[in-house]
Amino acid sequence: MSTLPDPEEFMNYLEECGFNAIDAQMNEVVNLYSKSVTKAGELKKHARSVGFSYEAAEEIAMDFHNTMTKGAGK
């Protein structure tokens, strides 16, 4: 039966290989925010096209973005 490596040793191994876990995590967070902003913009545009007021469409988009990014980067 195989066991998982010690997390500290594994992190050291990855860093020695040139992999920076913190950079990778930050890249994931940036990608999540970028995709969320893009989708929120599309949602806002669609809400406006079906008759929602600018304020309501803005709130819908912000609620979507906040829900999608809640806890990102923690």
PDB file of N, CA and C in Angstrom:
ATOM      1  N   MET A   1       0.850  -1.173   0.000  1.00  0.00           N
ATOM      2  CA  MET A   1       0.000   0.000   0.000  1.00  0.00           C
ATOM      3  C   MET A   1       0.896   1.237   0.000  1.00  0.00           C
ATOM      4  N   SER A   2       0.644   2.143  -0.918  1.00  0.00           N
ATOM      5  CA  SER A   2       1.453   3.355  -0.980  1.00  0.00           C
ATOM      6  C   SER A   2       0.886   4.408  -0.031  1.00  0.00           C
ATOM      7  N   THR A   3       1.753   5.264   0.435  1.00  0.00           N
ATOM      8  CA  THR A   3       1.326   6.337   1.325  1.00  0.00           C
ATOM      9  C   THR A   3       1.635   7.670   0.665  1.00  0.00           C
ATOM     10  N   LEU A   4       0.940   8.665   1.084  1.00  0.00           N
ATOM     11  CA  LEU A   4       1.195  10.003   0.555  1.00  0.00           C
ATOM     12  C   LEU A   4       2.511  10.522   1.115  1.00  0.00           C
ATOM     13  N   PRO A   5       3.232  11.296   0.332  1.00  0.00           N
ATOM     14  CA  PRO A   5       4.497  11.854   0.834  1.00  0.00           C
ATOM     15  C   PRO A   5       4.239  12.912   1.902  1.00  0.00           C
ATOM     16  N   ASP A   6       5.234  13.152   2.692  1.00  0.00           N
ATOM     17  CA  ASP A   6       5.159  14.226   3.673  1.00  0.00           C
ATOM     18  C   ASP A   6       4.934  15.538   2.917  1.00  0.00           C
ATOM     19  N   PRO A   7       3.929  16.326   3.298  1.00  0.00           N
ATOM     20  CA  PRO A   7       3.632  17.563   2.561  1.00  0.00           C
ATOM     21  C   PRO A   7       4.817  18.515   2.456  1.00  0.00           C
ATOM     22  N   GLU A   8       5.574  18.651   3.530  1.00  0.00           N
ATOM     23  CA  GLU A   8       6.730  19.555   3.520  1.00  0.00           C
ATOM     24  C   GLU A   8       7.798  19.056   2.541  1.00  0.00           C
ATOM     25  N   GLU A   9       8.076  17.754   2.580  1.00  0.00           N
ATOM     26  CA  GLU A   9       9.065  17.179   1.666  1.00  0.00           C
ATOM     27  C   GLU A   9       8.605  17.306   0.218  1.00  0.00           C
ATOM     28  N   PHE A  10       7.316  17.073   0.003  1.00  0.00           N
ATOM     29  CA  PHE A  10       6.788  17.167  -1.356  1.00  0.00           C
ATOM     30  C   PHE A  10       6.869  18.594  -1.873  1.00  0.00           C
ATOM     31  N   MET A  11       6.559  19.568  -1.023  1.00  0.00           N
ATOM     32  CA  MET A  11       6.654  20.981  -1.414  1.00  0.00           C
ATOM     33  C   MET A  11       8.096  21.327  -1.764  1.00  0.00           C
ATOM     34  N   ASN A  12       9.038  20.859  -0.956  1.00  0.00           N
ATOM     35  CA  ASN A  12      10.456  21.094  -1.245  1.00  0.00           C
ATOM     36  C   ASN A  12      10.853  20.474  -2.572  1.00  0.00           C
ATOM     37  N   TYR A  13      10.373  19.263  -2.826  1.00  0.00           N
ATOM     38  CA  TYR A  13      10.665  18.582  -4.098  1.00  0.00           C
ATOM     39  C   TYR A  13      10.128  19.395  -5.274  1.00  0.00           C
ATOM     40  N   LEU A  14       8.880  19.859  -5.158  1.00  0.00           N
ATOM     41  CA  LEU A  14       8.289  20.646  -6.247  1.00  0.00           C
ATOM     42  C   LEU A  14       9.064  21.933  -6.489  1.00  0.00           C
ATOM     43  N   GLU A  15       9.468  22.605  -5.411  1.00  0.00           N
ATOM     44  CA  GLU A  15      10.231  23.846  -5.557  1.00  0.00           C
ATOM     45  C   GLU A  15      11.585  23.582  -6.209  1.00  0.00           C
ATOM     46  N   GLU A  16      12.215  22.457  -5.854  1.00  0.00           N
ATOM     47  CA  GLU A  16      13.492  22.103  -6.482  1.00  0.00           C
ATOM     48  C   GLU A  16      13.329  21.848  -7.977  1.00  0.00           C
ATOM     49  N   CYS A  17      12.156  21.383  -8.355  1.00  0.00           N
ATOM     50  CA  CYS A  17      11.873  21.129  -9.778  1.00  0.00           C
ATOM     51  C   CYS A  17      11.427  22.399 -10.504  1.00  0.00           C
ATOM     52  N   GLY A  18      11.329  23.502  -9.781  1.00  0.00           N
ATOM     53  CA  GLY A  18      10.942  24.763 -10.409  1.00  0.00           C
ATOM     54  C   GLY A  18       9.467  25.092 -10.320  1.00  0.00           C
ATOM     55  N   PHE A  19       8.713  24.289  -9.596  1.00  0.00           N
ATOM     56  CA  PHE A  19       7.278  24.537  -9.462  1.00  0.00           C
ATOM     57  C   PHE A  19       7.036  25.354  -8.206  1.00  0.00           C
ATOM     58  N   ASN A  20       6.380  26.480  -8.346  1.00  0.00           N
ATOM     59  CA  ASN A  20       6.075  27.340  -7.212  1.00  0.00           C
ATOM     60  C   ASN A  20       4.580  27.240  -6.934  1.00  0.00           C
ATOM     61  N   ALA A  21       4.233  26.575  -5.842  1.00  0.00           N
ATOM     62  CA  ALA A  21       2.825  26.330  -5.518  1.00  0.00           C
ATOM     63  C   ALA A  21       2.063  27.628  -5.275  1.00  0.00           C
ATOM     64  N   ILE A  22       2.714  28.603  -4.670  1.00  0.00           N
ATOM     65  CA  ILE A  22       2.030  29.874  -4.400  1.00  0.00           C
ATOM     66  C   ILE A  22       1.701  30.576  -5.711  1.00  0.00           C
ATOM     67  N   ASP A  23       2.653  30.587  -6.653  1.00  0.00           N
ATOM     68  CA  ASP A  23       2.375  31.189  -7.960  1.00  0.00           C
ATOM     69  C   ASP A  23       1.245  30.455  -8.662  1.00  0.00           C
ATOM     70  N   ALA A  24       1.267  29.133  -8.575  1.00  0.00           N
ATOM     71  CA  ALA A  24       0.221  28.336  -9.218  1.00  0.00           C
ATOM     72  C   ALA A  24      -1.144  28.642  -8.614  1.00  0.00           C
ATOM     73  N   GLN A  25      -1.198  28.772  -7.290  1.00  0.00           N
ATOM     74  CA  GLN A  25      -2.463  29.086  -6.632  1.00  0.00           C
ATOM     75  C   GLN A  25      -2.929  30.486  -7.027  1.00  0.00           C
ATOM     76  N   MET A  26      -2.026  31.443  -7.071  1.00  0.00           N
ATOM     77  CA  MET A  26      -2.407  32.795  -7.466  1.00  0.00           C
ATOM     78  C   MET A  26      -2.891  32.815  -8.916  1.00  0.00           C
ATOM     79  N   ASN A  27      -2.264  32.042  -9.790  1.00  0.00           N
ATOM     80  CA  ASN A  27      -2.721  31.956 -11.180  1.00  0.00           C
ATOM     81  C   ASN A  27      -4.147  31.432 -11.246  1.00  0.00           C
ATOM     82  N   GLU A  28      -4.444  30.438 -10.415  1.00  0.00           N
ATOM     83  CA  GLU A  28      -5.802  29.897 -10.384  1.00  0.00           C
ATOM     84  C   GLU A  28      -6.799  30.950  -9.923  1.00  0.00           C
ATOM     85  N   VAL A  29      -6.428  31.715  -8.917  1.00  0.00           N
ATOM     86  CA  VAL A  29      -7.316  32.762  -8.406  1.00  0.00           C
ATOM     87  C   VAL A  29      -7.541  33.832  -9.476  1.00  0.00           C
ATOM     88  N   VAL A  30      -6.476  34.249 -10.144  1.00  0.00           N
ATOM     89  CA  VAL A  30      -6.595  35.254 -11.205  1.00  0.00           C
ATOM     90  C   VAL A  30      -7.482  34.724 -12.326  1.00  0.00           C
ATOM     91  N   ASN A  31      -7.302  33.461 -12.701  1.00  0.00           N
ATOM     92  CA  ASN A  31      -8.141  32.877 -13.756  1.00  0.00           C
ATOM     93  C   ASN A  31      -9.600  32.825 -13.336  1.00  0.00           C
ATOM     94  N   LEU A  32      -9.849  32.457 -12.081  1.00  0.00           N
ATOM     95  CA  LEU A  32     -11.219  32.405 -11.581  1.00  0.00           C
ATOM     96  C   LEU A  32     -11.864  33.787 -11.642  1.00  0.00           C
ATOM     97  N   TYR A  33     -11.150  34.803 -11.154  1.00  0.00           N
ATOM     98  CA  TYR A  33     -11.693  36.166 -11.168  1.00  0.00           C
ATOM     99  C   TYR A  33     -11.938  36.638 -12.599  1.00  0.00           C
ATOM    100  N   SER A  34     -11.006  36.356 -13.486  1.00  0.00           N
ATOM    101  CA  SER A  34     -11.140  36.780 -14.869  1.00  0.00           C
ATOM    102  C   SER A  34     -12.366  36.148 -15.522  1.00  0.00           C
ATOM    103  N   LYS A  35     -12.527  34.861 -15.339  1.00  0.00           N
ATOM    104  CA  LYS A  35     -13.686  34.166 -15.917  1.00  0.00           C
ATOM    105  C   LYS A  35     -14.982  34.672 -15.297  1.00  0.00           C
ATOM    106  N   SER A  36     -14.961  34.921 -13.988  1.00  0.00           N
ATOM    107  CA  SER A  36     -16.158  35.388 -13.308  1.00  0.00           C
ATOM    108  C   SER A  36     -16.572  36.769 -13.800  1.00  0.00           C
ATOM    109  N   VAL A  37     -15.602  37.665 -13.977  1.00  0.00           N
ATOM    110  CA  VAL A  37     -15.901  39.010 -14.468  1.00  0.00           C
ATOM    111  C   VAL A  37     -16.468  38.940 -15.890  1.00  0.00           C
ATOM    112  N   THR A  38     -15.878  38.101 -16.717  1.00  0.00           N
ATOM    113  CA  THR A  38     -16.359  37.935 -18.092  1.00  0.00           C
ATOM    114  C   THR A  38     -17.795  37.432 -18.107  1.00  0.00           C
ATOM    115  N   LYS A  39     -18.066  36.385 -17.320  1.00  0.00           N
ATOM    116  CA  LYS A  39     -19.421  35.823 -17.276  1.00  0.00           C
ATOM    117  C   LYS A  39     -20.412  36.804 -16.654  1.00  0.00           C
ATOM    118  N   ALA A  40     -19.982  37.547 -15.644  1.00  0.00           N
ATOM    119  CA  ALA A  40     -20.866  38.542 -15.037  1.00  0.00           C
ATOM    120  C   ALA A  40     -21.231  39.622 -16.050  1.00  0.00           C
ATOM    121  N   GLY A  41     -20.270  40.018 -16.867  1.00  0.00           N
ATOM    122  CA  GLY A  41     -20.547  41.001 -17.916  1.00  0.00           C
ATOM    123  C   GLY A  41     -21.549  40.476 -18.928  1.00  0.00           C
ATOM    124  N   GLU A  42     -21.392  39.216 -19.299  1.00  0.00           N
ATOM    125  CA  GLU A  42     -22.339  38.600 -20.239  1.00  0.00           C
ATOM    126  C   GLU A  42     -23.735  38.520 -19.615  1.00  0.00           C
ATOM    127  N   LEU A  43     -23.781  38.167 -18.340  1.00  0.00           N
ATOM    128  CA  LEU A  43     -25.053  38.071 -17.633  1.00  0.00           C
ATOM    129  C   LEU A  43     -25.727  39.439 -17.543  1.00  0.00           C
ATOM    130  N   LYS A  44     -24.946  40.467 -17.255  1.00  0.00           N
ATOM    131  CA  LYS A  44     -25.478  41.835 -17.181  1.00  0.00           C
ATOM    132  C   LYS A  44     -26.043  42.258 -18.543  1.00  0.00           C
ATOM    133  N   LYS A  45     -25.291  41.981 -19.596  1.00  0.00           N
ATOM    134  CA  LYS A  45     -25.735  42.340 -20.948  1.00  0.00           C
ATOM    135  C   LYS A  45     -27.044  41.618 -21.292  1.00  0.00           C
ATOM    136  N   HIS A  46     -27.115  40.341 -20.946  1.00  0.00           N
ATOM    137  CA  HIS A  46     -28.329  39.573 -21.221  1.00  0.00           C
ATOM    138  C   HIS A  46     -29.504  40.112 -20.400  1.00  0.00           C
ATOM    139  N   ALA A  47     -29.257  40.419 -19.120  1.00  0.00           N
ATOM    140  CA  ALA A  47     -30.331  40.949 -18.271  1.00  0.00           C
ATOM    141  C   ALA A  47     -30.879  42.253 -18.847  1.00  0.00           C
ATOM    142  N   ARG A  48     -29.987  43.106 -19.339  1.00  0.00           N
ATOM    143  CA  ARG A  48     -30.434  44.370 -19.961  1.00  0.00           C
ATOM    144  C   ARG A  48     -31.253  44.089 -21.214  1.00  0.00           C
ATOM    145  N   SER A  49     -30.813  43.076 -21.992  1.00  0.00           N
ATOM    146  CA  SER A  49     -31.498  42.797 -23.267  1.00  0.00           C
ATOM    147  C   SER A  49     -32.906  42.240 -23.067  1.00  0.00           C
ATOM    148  N   VAL A  50     -33.184  41.660 -21.907  1.00  0.00           N
ATOM    149  CA  VAL A  50     -34.523  41.127 -21.657  1.00  0.00           C
ATOM    150  C   VAL A  50     -35.370  42.066 -20.797  1.00  0.00           C
ATOM    151  N   GLY A  51     -34.866  43.290 -20.579  1.00  0.00           N
ATOM    152  CA  GLY A  51     -35.703  44.305 -19.964  1.00  0.00           C
ATOM    153  C   GLY A  51     -35.388  44.710 -18.538  1.00  0.00           C
ATOM    154  N   PHE A  52     -34.367  44.130 -17.925  1.00  0.00           N
ATOM    155  CA  PHE A  52     -34.017  44.566 -16.575  1.00  0.00           C
ATOM    156  C   PHE A  52     -33.407  45.964 -16.638  1.00  0.00           C
ATOM    157  N   SER A  53     -33.637  46.739 -15.591  1.00  0.00           N
ATOM    158  CA  SER A  53     -33.032  48.068 -15.526  1.00  0.00           C
ATOM    159  C   SER A  53     -31.521  47.923 -15.392  1.00  0.00           C
ATOM    160  N   TYR A  54     -30.817  49.023 -15.666  1.00  0.00           N
ATOM    161  CA  TYR A  54     -29.361  48.998 -15.535  1.00  0.00           C
ATOM    162  C   TYR A  54     -28.965  48.612 -14.122  1.00  0.00           C
ATOM    163  N   GLU A  55     -29.626  49.192 -13.134  1.00  0.00           N
ATOM    164  CA  GLU A  55     -29.301  48.926 -11.726  1.00  0.00           C
ATOM    165  C   GLU A  55     -29.540  47.460 -11.364  1.00  0.00           C
ATOM    166  N   ALA A  56     -30.677  46.917 -11.817  1.00  0.00           N
ATOM    167  CA  ALA A  56     -30.987  45.511 -11.523  1.00  0.00           C
ATOM    168  C   ALA A  56     -29.993  44.584 -12.212  1.00  0.00           C
ATOM    169  N   ALA A  57     -29.653  44.883 -13.455  1.00  0.00           N
ATOM    170  CA  ALA A  57     -28.689  44.054 -14.194  1.00  0.00           C
ATOM    171  C   ALA A  57     -27.324  44.101 -13.527  1.00  0.00           C
ATOM    172  N   GLU A  58     -26.938  45.296 -13.055  1.00  0.00           N
ATOM    173  CA  GLU A  58     -25.667  45.455 -12.352  1.00  0.00           C
ATOM    174  C   GLU A  58     -25.662  44.620 -11.073  1.00  0.00           C
ATOM    175  N   GLU A  59     -26.759  44.655 -10.337  1.00  0.00           N
ATOM    176  CA  GLU A  59     -26.849  43.887  -9.091  1.00  0.00           C
ATOM    177  C   GLU A  59     -26.810  42.385  -9.366  1.00  0.00           C
ATOM    178  N   ILE A  60     -27.497  41.939 -10.405  1.00  0.00           N
ATOM    179  CA  ILE A  60     -27.474  40.523 -10.785  1.00  0.00           C
ATOM    180  C   ILE A  60     -26.043  40.096 -11.099  1.00  0.00           C
ATOM    181  N   ALA A  61     -25.354  40.913 -11.882  1.00  0.00           N
ATOM    182  CA  ALA A  61     -23.975  40.588 -12.267  1.00  0.00           C
ATOM    183  C   ALA A  61     -23.052  40.548 -11.047  1.00  0.00           C
ATOM    184  N   MET A  62     -23.195  41.529 -10.163  1.00  0.00           N
ATOM    185  CA  MET A  62     -22.340  41.561  -8.971  1.00  0.00           C
ATOM    186  C   MET A  62     -22.648  40.406  -8.030  1.00  0.00           C
ATOM    187  N   ASP A  63     -23.908  40.055  -7.878  1.00  0.00           N
ATOM    188  CA  ASP A  63     -24.267  38.906  -7.047  1.00  0.00           C
ATOM    189  C   ASP A  63     -23.650  37.627  -7.612  1.00  0.00           C
ATOM    190  N   PHE A  64     -23.710  37.484  -8.932  1.00  0.00           N
ATOM    191  CA  PHE A  64     -23.106  36.321  -9.580  1.00  0.00           C
ATOM    192  C   PHE A  64     -21.605  36.281  -9.311  1.00  0.00           C
ATOM    193  N   HIS A  65     -20.931  37.401  -9.551  1.00  0.00           N
ATOM    194  CA  HIS A  65     -19.483  37.463  -9.358  1.00  0.00           C
ATOM    195  C   HIS A  65     -19.108  37.170  -7.904  1.00  0.00           C
ATOM    196  N   ASN A  66     -19.809  37.785  -6.973  1.00  0.00           N
ATOM    197  CA  ASN A  66     -19.506  37.572  -5.553  1.00  0.00           C
ATOM    198  C   ASN A  66     -19.721  36.117  -5.140  1.00  0.00           C
ATOM    199  N   THR A  67     -20.775  35.503  -5.669  1.00  0.00           N
ATOM    200  CA  THR A  67     -21.032  34.100  -5.360  1.00  0.00           C
ATOM    201  C   THR A  67     -19.947  33.194  -5.945  1.00  0.00           C
ATOM    202  N   MET A  68     -19.546  33.476  -7.169  1.00  0.00           N
ATOM    203  CA  MET A  68     -18.542  32.628  -7.828  1.00  0.00           C
ATOM    204  C   MET A  68     -17.160  32.767  -7.197  1.00  0.00           C
ATOM    205  N   THR A  69     -16.849  33.919  -6.644  1.00  0.00           N
ATOM    206  CA  THR A  69     -15.492  34.135  -6.121  1.00  0.00           C
ATOM    207  C   THR A  69     -15.437  34.090  -4.602  1.00  0.00           C
ATOM    208  N   LYS A  70     -16.531  33.751  -3.961  1.00  0.00           N
ATOM    209  CA  LYS A  70     -16.538  33.702  -2.485  1.00  0.00           C
ATOM    210  C   LYS A  70     -15.487  32.700  -2.011  1.00  0.00           C
ATOM    211  N   GLY A  71     -14.565  33.175  -1.201  1.00  0.00           N
ATOM    212  CA  GLY A  71     -13.541  32.309  -0.640  1.00  0.00           C
ATOM    213  C   GLY A  71     -12.372  32.038  -1.553  1.00  0.00           C
ATOM    214  N   ALA A  72     -12.336  32.640  -2.730  1.00  0.00           N
ATOM    215  CA  ALA A  72     -11.228  32.407  -3.667  1.00  0.00           C
ATOM    216  C   ALA A  72      -9.930  32.939  -3.063  1.00  0.00           C
ATOM    217  N   GLY A  73      -8.907  32.166  -3.171  1.00  0.00           N
ATOM    218  CA  GLY A  73      -7.601  32.575  -2.703  1.00  0.00           C
ATOM    219  C   GLY A  73      -7.340  32.317  -1.234  1.00  0.00           C
ATOM    220  N   LYS A  74      -8.289  31.695  -0.575  1.00  0.00           N
ATOM    221  CA  LYS A  74      -8.075  31.406   0.857  1.00  0.00           C
ATOM    222  C   LYS A  74      -7.449  30.057   1.028  1.00  0.00           C
TER     223      LYS A  74
END
